[in-house]
Amino acid sequence: MNLNDVVVLIPYFNDKEGIRKTLASIAESVNVLIVDDGSKTPLVIDNLKAEFTRLNIFTIRFDVNKGIVAALNVGLNYALSNGFKYVARLDSGDTVIGERFSRQKEFLVGEPSVKLVGGWANFVDEDGEFLFQLKHPLHNLALASAFFKYNPFLHPAVMFDICVYEKLGGYPSDFDALEDYAYFWEVSKYFEVANLPLVMLNYEVSANSISSKKRITQSISKIKLIVRHFDFSFLAFYGLIKSIILLLIPRRITTLIKTLLWR
């Protein structure tokens, strides 16, 4: 599968070991855009290009830290301006499994009504030890009904058509630490979406991740997001109550529960 029209978008901030691990895991020849969000010690891009010759690496660097929403949206604008048709997400520290990008592009080409596709993932700890496997629903109807309960897409495992950005603009800035959830929910209102039944990512659960550091913020943003879409259905009430309860439970406890249930 030719991946010339695909760009892998990776926001980056002060994680040289993580970005090298992530780039090393990409087995396919693909374009990679790294948006450096004002790191204290910038990446030496020439070194990365020399080390990972199968990758066509581009970079954008902010002089100051602007946050992940700004990094993502600058990356999307770059993708549109440079003629890329598909944007795949990946985060520093996560590792790709197999020919993920080819499989996702092949699916989008074959299902033109679907404009965003994700996949399943292994959750691992910072030492790479397996915790559990996350398997979200696959088809559009099941995904659309899931949003009140949870985000049915793992952000660094998605690929979407650039027409999503042309239609909706970039990630929203009014749902702090939950911009992906808000964005994908909006995408699902305009386009068909899907997940592939393939494990395509090792997702690292880190104490330094946004999900860990901003868990309370995320929970509050989720409540705001549900209220925005609230339609007085059973799922809306269920999702709101569940989110309020989870606001009170530490992430290490929810990760332990998921590990015990899904291992």
C-alpha atoms as a PDB file:
ATOM      1  CA  MET A   1       0.000   0.000   0.000  1.00  0.00           C
ATOM      2  CA  ASN A   2       1.425   3.373  -1.081  1.00  0.00           C
ATOM      3  CA  LEU A   3       1.468   5.764   1.877  1.00  0.00           C
ATOM      4  CA  ASN A   4       2.669   8.916   0.108  1.00  0.00           C
ATOM      5  CA  ASP A   5      -0.626  10.699   0.877  1.00  0.00           C
ATOM      6  CA  VAL A   6      -0.559   9.743   4.586  1.00  0.00           C
ATOM      7  CA  VAL A   7       1.133  11.798   7.304  1.00  0.00           C
ATOM      8  CA  VAL A   8       1.626  10.562  10.864  1.00  0.00           C
ATOM      9  CA  LEU A   9       1.110  13.459  13.273  1.00  0.00           C
ATOM     10  CA  ILE A  10       3.072  13.271  16.548  1.00  0.00           C
ATOM     11  CA  PRO A  11       2.975  16.097  19.122  1.00  0.00           C
ATOM     12  CA  TYR A  12       6.226  16.154  21.061  1.00  0.00           C
ATOM     13  CA  PHE A  13       7.383  17.668  24.359  1.00  0.00           C
ATOM     14  CA  ASN A  14      10.617  16.804  26.199  1.00  0.00           C
ATOM     15  CA  ASP A  15      10.585  13.044  25.535  1.00  0.00           C
ATOM     16  CA  LYS A  16      13.619  12.104  23.438  1.00  0.00           C
ATOM     17  CA  GLU A  17      13.656   8.490  24.589  1.00  0.00           C
ATOM     18  CA  GLY A  18       9.939   8.128  23.916  1.00  0.00           C
ATOM     19  CA  ILE A  19      10.041   9.627  20.410  1.00  0.00           C
ATOM     20  CA  ARG A  20      12.940   7.373  19.390  1.00  0.00           C
ATOM     21  CA  LYS A  21      11.084   4.307  20.668  1.00  0.00           C
ATOM     22  CA  THR A  22       7.979   5.362  18.747  1.00  0.00           C
ATOM     23  CA  LEU A  23       9.816   6.051  15.487  1.00  0.00           C
ATOM     24  CA  ALA A  24      11.727   2.776  15.760  1.00  0.00           C
ATOM     25  CA  SER A  25       8.416   0.887  15.971  1.00  0.00           C
ATOM     26  CA  ILE A  26       7.163   2.177  12.597  1.00  0.00           C
ATOM     27  CA  ALA A  27       7.994  -0.565  10.092  1.00  0.00           C
ATOM     28  CA  GLU A  28       6.356   1.095   7.090  1.00  0.00           C
ATOM     29  CA  SER A  29       7.750   3.857   4.871  1.00  0.00           C
ATOM     30  CA  VAL A  30       5.565   6.826   5.729  1.00  0.00           C
ATOM     31  CA  ASN A  31       5.640  10.589   6.234  1.00  0.00           C
ATOM     32  CA  VAL A  32       5.989  11.694   9.856  1.00  0.00           C
ATOM     33  CA  LEU A  33       5.293  15.204  11.134  1.00  0.00           C
ATOM     34  CA  ILE A  34       6.644  15.950  14.619  1.00  0.00           C
ATOM     35  CA  VAL A  35       5.311  19.148  16.198  1.00  0.00           C
ATOM     36  CA  ASP A  36       7.718  20.175  18.963  1.00  0.00           C
ATOM     37  CA  ASP A  37       5.641  22.082  21.498  1.00  0.00           C
ATOM     38  CA  GLY A  38       8.431  24.286  22.850  1.00  0.00           C
ATOM     39  CA  SER A  39      10.682  21.593  24.316  1.00  0.00           C
ATOM     40  CA  LYS A  40      13.565  22.837  26.446  1.00  0.00           C
ATOM     41  CA  THR A  41      16.025  20.734  24.456  1.00  0.00           C
ATOM     42  CA  PRO A  42      14.951  20.613  20.793  1.00  0.00           C
ATOM     43  CA  LEU A  43      15.209  17.414  18.802  1.00  0.00           C
ATOM     44  CA  VAL A  44      18.140  17.064  16.437  1.00  0.00           C
ATOM     45  CA  ILE A  45      16.073  16.245  13.386  1.00  0.00           C
ATOM     46  CA  ASP A  46      19.020  15.486  11.112  1.00  0.00           C
ATOM     47  CA  ASN A  47      20.042  12.739  13.531  1.00  0.00           C
ATOM     48  CA  LEU A  48      16.531  11.262  13.507  1.00  0.00           C
ATOM     49  CA  LYS A  49      16.423  11.359   9.708  1.00  0.00           C
ATOM     50  CA  ALA A  50      19.773   9.592   9.519  1.00  0.00           C
ATOM     51  CA  GLU A  51      18.696   6.940  12.010  1.00  0.00           C
ATOM     52  CA  PHE A  52      15.211   6.278  10.614  1.00  0.00           C
ATOM     53  CA  THR A  53      15.847   6.427   6.878  1.00  0.00           C
ATOM     54  CA  ARG A  54      12.587   4.656   5.924  1.00  0.00           C
ATOM     55  CA  LEU A  55      10.646   7.600   7.366  1.00  0.00           C
ATOM     56  CA  ASN A  56      10.172  10.978   5.693  1.00  0.00           C
ATOM     57  CA  ILE A  57      10.365  13.202   8.775  1.00  0.00           C
ATOM     58  CA  PHE A  58       9.177  16.814   8.932  1.00  0.00           C
ATOM     59  CA  THR A  59       9.161  19.081  11.957  1.00  0.00           C
ATOM     60  CA  ILE A  60       7.479  22.210  13.218  1.00  0.00           C
ATOM     61  CA  ARG A  61       8.811  23.804  16.395  1.00  0.00           C
ATOM     62  CA  PHE A  62       7.130  26.276  18.735  1.00  0.00           C
ATOM     63  CA  ASP A  63       9.421  28.662  20.603  1.00  0.00           C
ATOM     64  CA  VAL A  64       7.208  28.332  23.693  1.00  0.00           C
ATOM     65  CA  ASN A  65       4.896  25.643  24.968  1.00  0.00           C
ATOM     66  CA  LYS A  66       1.389  26.203  23.552  1.00  0.00           C
ATOM     67  CA  GLY A  67      -0.311  22.938  24.492  1.00  0.00           C
ATOM     68  CA  ILE A  68      -1.405  19.869  22.588  1.00  0.00           C
ATOM     69  CA  VAL A  69      -4.442  21.460  20.920  1.00  0.00           C
ATOM     70  CA  ALA A  70      -2.268  24.108  19.259  1.00  0.00           C
ATOM     71  CA  ALA A  71       0.276  21.452  18.247  1.00  0.00           C
ATOM     72  CA  LEU A  72      -2.385  19.209  16.719  1.00  0.00           C
ATOM     73  CA  ASN A  73      -4.121  22.000  14.847  1.00  0.00           C
ATOM     74  CA  VAL A  74      -0.887  23.375  13.393  1.00  0.00           C
ATOM     75  CA  GLY A  75      -0.135  19.829  12.278  1.00  0.00           C
ATOM     76  CA  LEU A  76      -3.542  19.465  10.621  1.00  0.00           C
ATOM     77  CA  ASN A  77      -3.118  22.766   8.824  1.00  0.00           C
ATOM     78  CA  TYR A  78       0.297  21.601   7.601  1.00  0.00           C
ATOM     79  CA  ALA A  79      -1.236  18.356   6.328  1.00  0.00           C
ATOM     80  CA  LEU A  80      -3.951  20.214   4.412  1.00  0.00           C
ATOM     81  CA  SER A  81      -1.554  22.818   3.005  1.00  0.00           C
ATOM     82  CA  ASN A  82       0.848  20.148   1.769  1.00  0.00           C
ATOM     83  CA  GLY A  83      -1.701  17.981   0.017  1.00  0.00           C
ATOM     84  CA  PHE A  84      -1.924  15.007   2.388  1.00  0.00           C
ATOM     85  CA  LYS A  85      -5.246  13.144   2.221  1.00  0.00           C
ATOM     86  CA  TYR A  86      -4.983  11.102   5.419  1.00  0.00           C
ATOM     87  CA  VAL A  87      -3.759  12.009   8.902  1.00  0.00           C
ATOM     88  CA  ALA A  88      -2.775   9.256  11.324  1.00  0.00           C
ATOM     89  CA  ARG A  89      -2.234  10.027  14.991  1.00  0.00           C
ATOM     90  CA  LEU A  90       0.506   8.695  17.195  1.00  0.00           C
ATOM     91  CA  ASP A  91       1.939   9.780  20.537  1.00  0.00           C
ATOM     92  CA  SER A  92       5.517   9.814  21.733  1.00  0.00           C
ATOM     93  CA  GLY A  93       6.118   6.693  23.816  1.00  0.00           C
ATOM     94  CA  ASP A  94       3.505   4.527  22.107  1.00  0.00           C
ATOM     95  CA  THR A  95       4.610   1.831  19.659  1.00  0.00           C
ATOM     96  CA  VAL A  96       3.033   0.664  16.421  1.00  0.00           C
ATOM     97  CA  ILE A  97       2.127  -2.979  15.808  1.00  0.00           C
ATOM     98  CA  GLY A  98       2.323  -4.343  12.265  1.00  0.00           C
ATOM     99  CA  GLU A  99       1.320  -2.531   9.085  1.00  0.00           C
ATOM    100  CA  ARG A 100      -1.188  -0.359  10.873  1.00  0.00           C
ATOM    101  CA  PHE A 101      -1.112   2.591   8.474  1.00  0.00           C
ATOM    102  CA  SER A 102      -1.554   0.467   5.355  1.00  0.00           C
ATOM    103  CA  ARG A 103      -4.483  -1.390   6.897  1.00  0.00           C
ATOM    104  CA  GLN A 104      -6.225   1.810   7.934  1.00  0.00           C
ATOM    105  CA  LYS A 105      -5.719   3.542   4.595  1.00  0.00           C
ATOM    106  CA  GLU A 106      -6.877   0.423   2.747  1.00  0.00           C
ATOM    107  CA  PHE A 107     -10.060   0.437   4.833  1.00  0.00           C
ATOM    108  CA  LEU A 108     -10.768   4.144   4.244  1.00  0.00           C
ATOM    109  CA  VAL A 109     -10.213   3.775   0.508  1.00  0.00           C
ATOM    110  CA  GLY A 110     -12.500   0.740   0.395  1.00  0.00           C
ATOM    111  CA  GLU A 111     -15.220   2.330   2.555  1.00  0.00           C
ATOM    112  CA  PRO A 112     -15.516   5.883   1.190  1.00  0.00           C
ATOM    113  CA  SER A 113     -18.444   6.758   3.472  1.00  0.00           C
ATOM    114  CA  VAL A 114     -16.188   6.223   6.526  1.00  0.00           C
ATOM    115  CA  LYS A 115     -13.903   9.165   7.230  1.00  0.00           C
ATOM    116  CA  LEU A 116     -12.316   8.167  10.559  1.00  0.00           C
ATOM    117  CA  VAL A 117     -11.061   4.742  11.603  1.00  0.00           C
ATOM    118  CA  GLY A 118      -9.410   3.574  14.791  1.00  0.00           C
ATOM    119  CA  GLY A 119      -8.381   0.213  16.155  1.00  0.00           C
ATOM    120  CA  TRP A 120      -7.693  -1.901  19.218  1.00  0.00           C
ATOM    121  CA  ALA A 121      -4.650  -1.591  21.476  1.00  0.00           C
ATOM    122  CA  ASN A 122      -2.592  -3.260  24.151  1.00  0.00           C
ATOM    123  CA  PHE A 123      -2.186  -1.165  27.291  1.00  0.00           C
ATOM    124  CA  VAL A 124       1.294  -1.555  28.799  1.00  0.00           C
ATOM    125  CA  ASP A 125       3.089  -0.024  31.766  1.00  0.00           C
ATOM    126  CA  GLU A 126       6.259   2.080  31.549  1.00  0.00           C
ATOM    127  CA  ASP A 127       8.371  -1.112  31.518  1.00  0.00           C
ATOM    128  CA  GLY A 128       6.411  -2.486  28.564  1.00  0.00           C
ATOM    129  CA  GLU A 129       4.579  -5.089  30.666  1.00  0.00           C
ATOM    130  CA  PHE A 130       1.131  -6.013  29.341  1.00  0.00           C
ATOM    131  CA  LEU A 131      -1.797  -4.733  31.419  1.00  0.00           C
ATOM    132  CA  PHE A 132      -4.903  -5.348  29.316  1.00  0.00           C
ATOM    133  CA  GLN A 133      -6.285  -5.149  25.795  1.00  0.00           C
ATOM    134  CA  LEU A 134      -8.747  -2.448  24.799  1.00  0.00           C
ATOM    135  CA  LYS A 135     -11.339  -3.504  22.204  1.00  0.00           C
ATOM    136  CA  HIS A 136     -13.773  -0.748  21.276  1.00  0.00           C
ATOM    137  CA  PRO A 137     -16.895  -1.331  19.116  1.00  0.00           C
ATOM    138  CA  LEU A 138     -16.341  -1.624  15.388  1.00  0.00           C
ATOM    139  CA  HIS A 139     -19.316  -0.214  13.506  1.00  0.00           C
ATOM    140  CA  ASN A 140     -20.852   3.225  13.108  1.00  0.00           C
ATOM    141  CA  LEU A 141     -24.138   2.654  14.997  1.00  0.00           C
ATOM    142  CA  ALA A 142     -22.445   1.039  18.008  1.00  0.00           C
ATOM    143  CA  LEU A 143     -19.834   3.792  18.091  1.00  0.00           C
ATOM    144  CA  ALA A 144     -22.393   6.592  17.864  1.00  0.00           C
ATOM    145  CA  SER A 145     -24.288   5.191  20.863  1.00  0.00           C
ATOM    146  CA  ALA A 146     -21.086   4.802  22.920  1.00  0.00           C
ATOM    147  CA  PHE A 147     -20.111   8.459  23.202  1.00  0.00           C
ATOM    148  CA  PHE A 148     -22.272   9.190  26.254  1.00  0.00           C
ATOM    149  CA  LYS A 149     -20.516   6.331  28.061  1.00  0.00           C
ATOM    150  CA  TYR A 150     -16.905   6.740  26.908  1.00  0.00           C
ATOM    151  CA  ASN A 151     -14.673   7.832  24.047  1.00  0.00           C
ATOM    152  CA  PRO A 152     -14.851   4.830  21.661  1.00  0.00           C
ATOM    153  CA  PHE A 153     -11.615   5.813  19.928  1.00  0.00           C
ATOM    154  CA  LEU A 154      -8.077   5.633  21.255  1.00  0.00           C
ATOM    155  CA  HIS A 155      -6.584   8.899  20.036  1.00  0.00           C
ATOM    156  CA  PRO A 156      -3.104   7.699  18.940  1.00  0.00           C
ATOM    157  CA  ALA A 157      -4.697   4.775  17.062  1.00  0.00           C
ATOM    158  CA  VAL A 158      -6.888   6.765  14.648  1.00  0.00           C
ATOM    159  CA  MET A 159      -6.522   7.764  11.009  1.00  0.00           C
ATOM    160  CA  PHE A 160      -8.895  10.193   9.336  1.00  0.00           C
ATOM    161  CA  ASP A 161      -9.533  11.819   5.994  1.00  0.00           C
ATOM    162  CA  ILE A 162      -8.343  15.439   5.784  1.00  0.00           C
ATOM    163  CA  CYS A 163     -11.908  16.379   4.740  1.00  0.00           C
ATOM    164  CA  VAL A 164     -12.772  16.089   8.449  1.00  0.00           C
ATOM    165  CA  TYR A 165     -10.506  19.044   9.153  1.00  0.00           C
ATOM    166  CA  GLU A 166     -11.867  20.938   6.143  1.00  0.00           C
ATOM    167  CA  LYS A 167     -15.425  20.447   7.402  1.00  0.00           C
ATOM    168  CA  LEU A 168     -15.047  20.884  11.165  1.00  0.00           C
ATOM    169  CA  GLY A 169     -11.815  22.793  11.630  1.00  0.00           C
ATOM    170  CA  GLY A 170      -9.333  21.719  14.263  1.00  0.00           C
ATOM    171  CA  TYR A 171      -9.533  20.188  17.704  1.00  0.00           C
ATOM    172  CA  PRO A 172     -11.594  22.283  20.162  1.00  0.00           C
ATOM    173  CA  SER A 173      -9.848  24.204  22.936  1.00  0.00           C
ATOM    174  CA  ASP A 174     -12.790  24.393  25.358  1.00  0.00           C
ATOM    175  CA  PHE A 175     -12.529  20.811  26.687  1.00  0.00           C
ATOM    176  CA  ASP A 176      -9.194  20.807  28.478  1.00  0.00           C
ATOM    177  CA  ALA A 177      -7.304  17.469  28.229  1.00  0.00           C
ATOM    178  CA  LEU A 178     -10.261  15.929  26.373  1.00  0.00           C
ATOM    179  CA  GLU A 179      -9.952  17.551  22.958  1.00  0.00           C
ATOM    180  CA  ASP A 180      -9.917  14.185  21.150  1.00  0.00           C
ATOM    181  CA  TYR A 181     -13.160  12.965  22.757  1.00  0.00           C
ATOM    182  CA  ALA A 182     -14.905  16.233  21.883  1.00  0.00           C
ATOM    183  CA  TYR A 183     -13.545  16.201  18.331  1.00  0.00           C
ATOM    184  CA  PHE A 184     -14.459  12.598  17.552  1.00  0.00           C
ATOM    185  CA  TRP A 185     -17.963  13.038  18.946  1.00  0.00           C
ATOM    186  CA  GLU A 186     -18.439  15.962  16.574  1.00  0.00           C
ATOM    187  CA  VAL A 187     -16.949  13.971  13.682  1.00  0.00           C
ATOM    188  CA  SER A 188     -19.479  11.187  14.298  1.00  0.00           C
ATOM    189  CA  LYS A 189     -22.341  13.637  13.749  1.00  0.00           C
ATOM    190  CA  TYR A 190     -21.228  14.430  10.207  1.00  0.00           C
ATOM    191  CA  PHE A 191     -19.406  11.306   8.989  1.00  0.00           C
ATOM    192  CA  GLU A 192     -19.460   7.555   9.413  1.00  0.00           C
ATOM    193  CA  VAL A 193     -16.751   6.205  11.706  1.00  0.00           C
ATOM    194  CA  ALA A 194     -15.333   2.762  12.453  1.00  0.00           C
ATOM    195  CA  ASN A 195     -12.748   0.737  14.340  1.00  0.00           C
ATOM    196  CA  LEU A 196     -10.775  -2.144  12.864  1.00  0.00           C
ATOM    197  CA  PRO A 197     -10.707  -5.434  14.827  1.00  0.00           C
ATOM    198  CA  LEU A 198      -6.921  -5.296  14.884  1.00  0.00           C
ATOM    199  CA  VAL A 199      -4.473  -4.623  17.706  1.00  0.00           C
ATOM    200  CA  MET A 200      -2.364  -1.897  16.144  1.00  0.00           C
ATOM    201  CA  LEU A 201      -0.775  -0.092  19.066  1.00  0.00           C
ATOM    202  CA  ASN A 202       0.989  -0.578  22.373  1.00  0.00           C
ATOM    203  CA  TYR A 203      -0.367   2.263  24.493  1.00  0.00           C
ATOM    204  CA  GLU A 204       1.863   3.207  27.394  1.00  0.00           C
ATOM    205  CA  VAL A 205       0.127   4.065  30.683  1.00  0.00           C
ATOM    206  CA  SER A 206       2.518   6.590  32.166  1.00  0.00           C
ATOM    207  CA  ALA A 207       2.401   8.682  35.321  1.00  0.00           C
ATOM    208  CA  ASN A 208       3.649  11.578  33.169  1.00  0.00           C
ATOM    209  CA  SER A 209       0.911  11.345  30.536  1.00  0.00           C
ATOM    210  CA  ILE A 210      -1.815  13.959  30.126  1.00  0.00           C
ATOM    211  CA  SER A 211      -4.393  11.341  31.116  1.00  0.00           C
ATOM    212  CA  SER A 212      -2.597  10.784  34.415  1.00  0.00           C
ATOM    213  CA  LYS A 213      -1.575  14.344  35.251  1.00  0.00           C
ATOM    214  CA  LYS A 214      -4.903  15.903  34.279  1.00  0.00           C
ATOM    215  CA  ARG A 215      -7.328  13.183  35.240  1.00  0.00           C
ATOM    216  CA  ILE A 216      -9.533  15.501  37.324  1.00  0.00           C
ATOM    217  CA  THR A 217      -9.519  18.066  34.531  1.00  0.00           C
ATOM    218  CA  GLN A 218     -10.443  15.349  32.039  1.00  0.00           C
ATOM    219  CA  SER A 219     -13.336  14.186  34.195  1.00  0.00           C
ATOM    220  CA  ILE A 220     -14.698  17.710  34.504  1.00  0.00           C
ATOM    221  CA  SER A 221     -14.331  18.195  30.747  1.00  0.00           C
ATOM    222  CA  LYS A 222     -16.233  14.955  30.148  1.00  0.00           C
ATOM    223  CA  ILE A 223     -19.118  16.172  32.279  1.00  0.00           C
ATOM    224  CA  LYS A 224     -19.164  19.428  30.285  1.00  0.00           C
ATOM    225  CA  LEU A 225     -19.065  17.456  27.040  1.00  0.00           C
ATOM    226  CA  ILE A 226     -21.992  15.236  28.034  1.00  0.00           C
ATOM    227  CA  VAL A 227     -23.996  18.285  29.087  1.00  0.00           C
ATOM    228  CA  ARG A 228     -23.336  19.865  25.666  1.00  0.00           C
ATOM    229  CA  HIS A 229     -24.735  16.808  23.868  1.00  0.00           C
ATOM    230  CA  PHE A 230     -27.364  15.944  26.493  1.00  0.00           C
ATOM    231  CA  ASP A 231     -30.573  14.618  24.926  1.00  0.00           C
ATOM    232  CA  PHE A 232     -32.380  13.307  28.049  1.00  0.00           C
ATOM    233  CA  SER A 233     -31.959   9.703  26.918  1.00  0.00           C
ATOM    234  CA  PHE A 234     -31.091   6.864  29.273  1.00  0.00           C
ATOM    235  CA  LEU A 235     -27.530   6.845  27.902  1.00  0.00           C
ATOM    236  CA  ALA A 236     -27.158  10.568  28.583  1.00  0.00           C
ATOM    237  CA  PHE A 237     -28.184  10.147  32.231  1.00  0.00           C
ATOM    238  CA  TYR A 238     -26.038   7.010  32.577  1.00  0.00           C
ATOM    239  CA  GLY A 239     -22.976   8.724  31.131  1.00  0.00           C
ATOM    240  CA  LEU A 240     -23.386  11.790  33.336  1.00  0.00           C
ATOM    241  CA  ILE A 241     -23.765   9.780  36.554  1.00  0.00           C
ATOM    242  CA  LYS A 242     -20.863   7.488  35.634  1.00  0.00           C
ATOM    243  CA  SER A 243     -18.611  10.479  34.919  1.00  0.00           C
ATOM    244  CA  ILE A 244     -19.405  12.064  38.265  1.00  0.00           C
ATOM    245  CA  ILE A 245     -18.599   8.818  40.079  1.00  0.00           C
ATOM    246  CA  LEU A 246     -15.310   8.325  38.165  1.00  0.00           C
ATOM    247  CA  LEU A 247     -14.313  11.869  39.099  1.00  0.00           C
ATOM    248  CA  LEU A 248     -13.876  10.572  42.657  1.00  0.00           C
ATOM    249  CA  ILE A 249     -11.833   7.440  41.820  1.00  0.00           C
ATOM    250  CA  PRO A 250      -8.024   7.687  41.283  1.00  0.00           C
ATOM    251  CA  ARG A 251      -6.728   6.534  37.871  1.00  0.00           C
ATOM    252  CA  ARG A 252      -4.540   3.833  39.384  1.00  0.00           C
ATOM    253  CA  ILE A 253      -7.706   2.211  40.751  1.00  0.00           C
ATOM    254  CA  THR A 254      -9.540   2.335  37.402  1.00  0.00           C
ATOM    255  CA  THR A 255      -6.448   0.943  35.629  1.00  0.00           C
ATOM    256  CA  LEU A 256      -6.283  -1.910  38.161  1.00  0.00           C
ATOM    257  CA  ILE A 257      -9.971  -2.697  37.634  1.00  0.00           C
ATOM    258  CA  LYS A 258      -9.556  -2.722  33.840  1.00  0.00           C
ATOM    259  CA  THR A 259      -6.482  -4.940  34.164  1.00  0.00           C
ATOM    260  CA  LEU A 260      -8.368  -7.465  36.296  1.00  0.00           C
ATOM    261  CA  LEU A 261     -11.445  -7.451  34.056  1.00  0.00           C
ATOM    262  CA  TRP A 262      -9.861  -7.311  30.588  1.00  0.00           C
ATOM    263  CA  ARG A 263      -6.541  -9.138  30.935  1.00  0.00           C
END
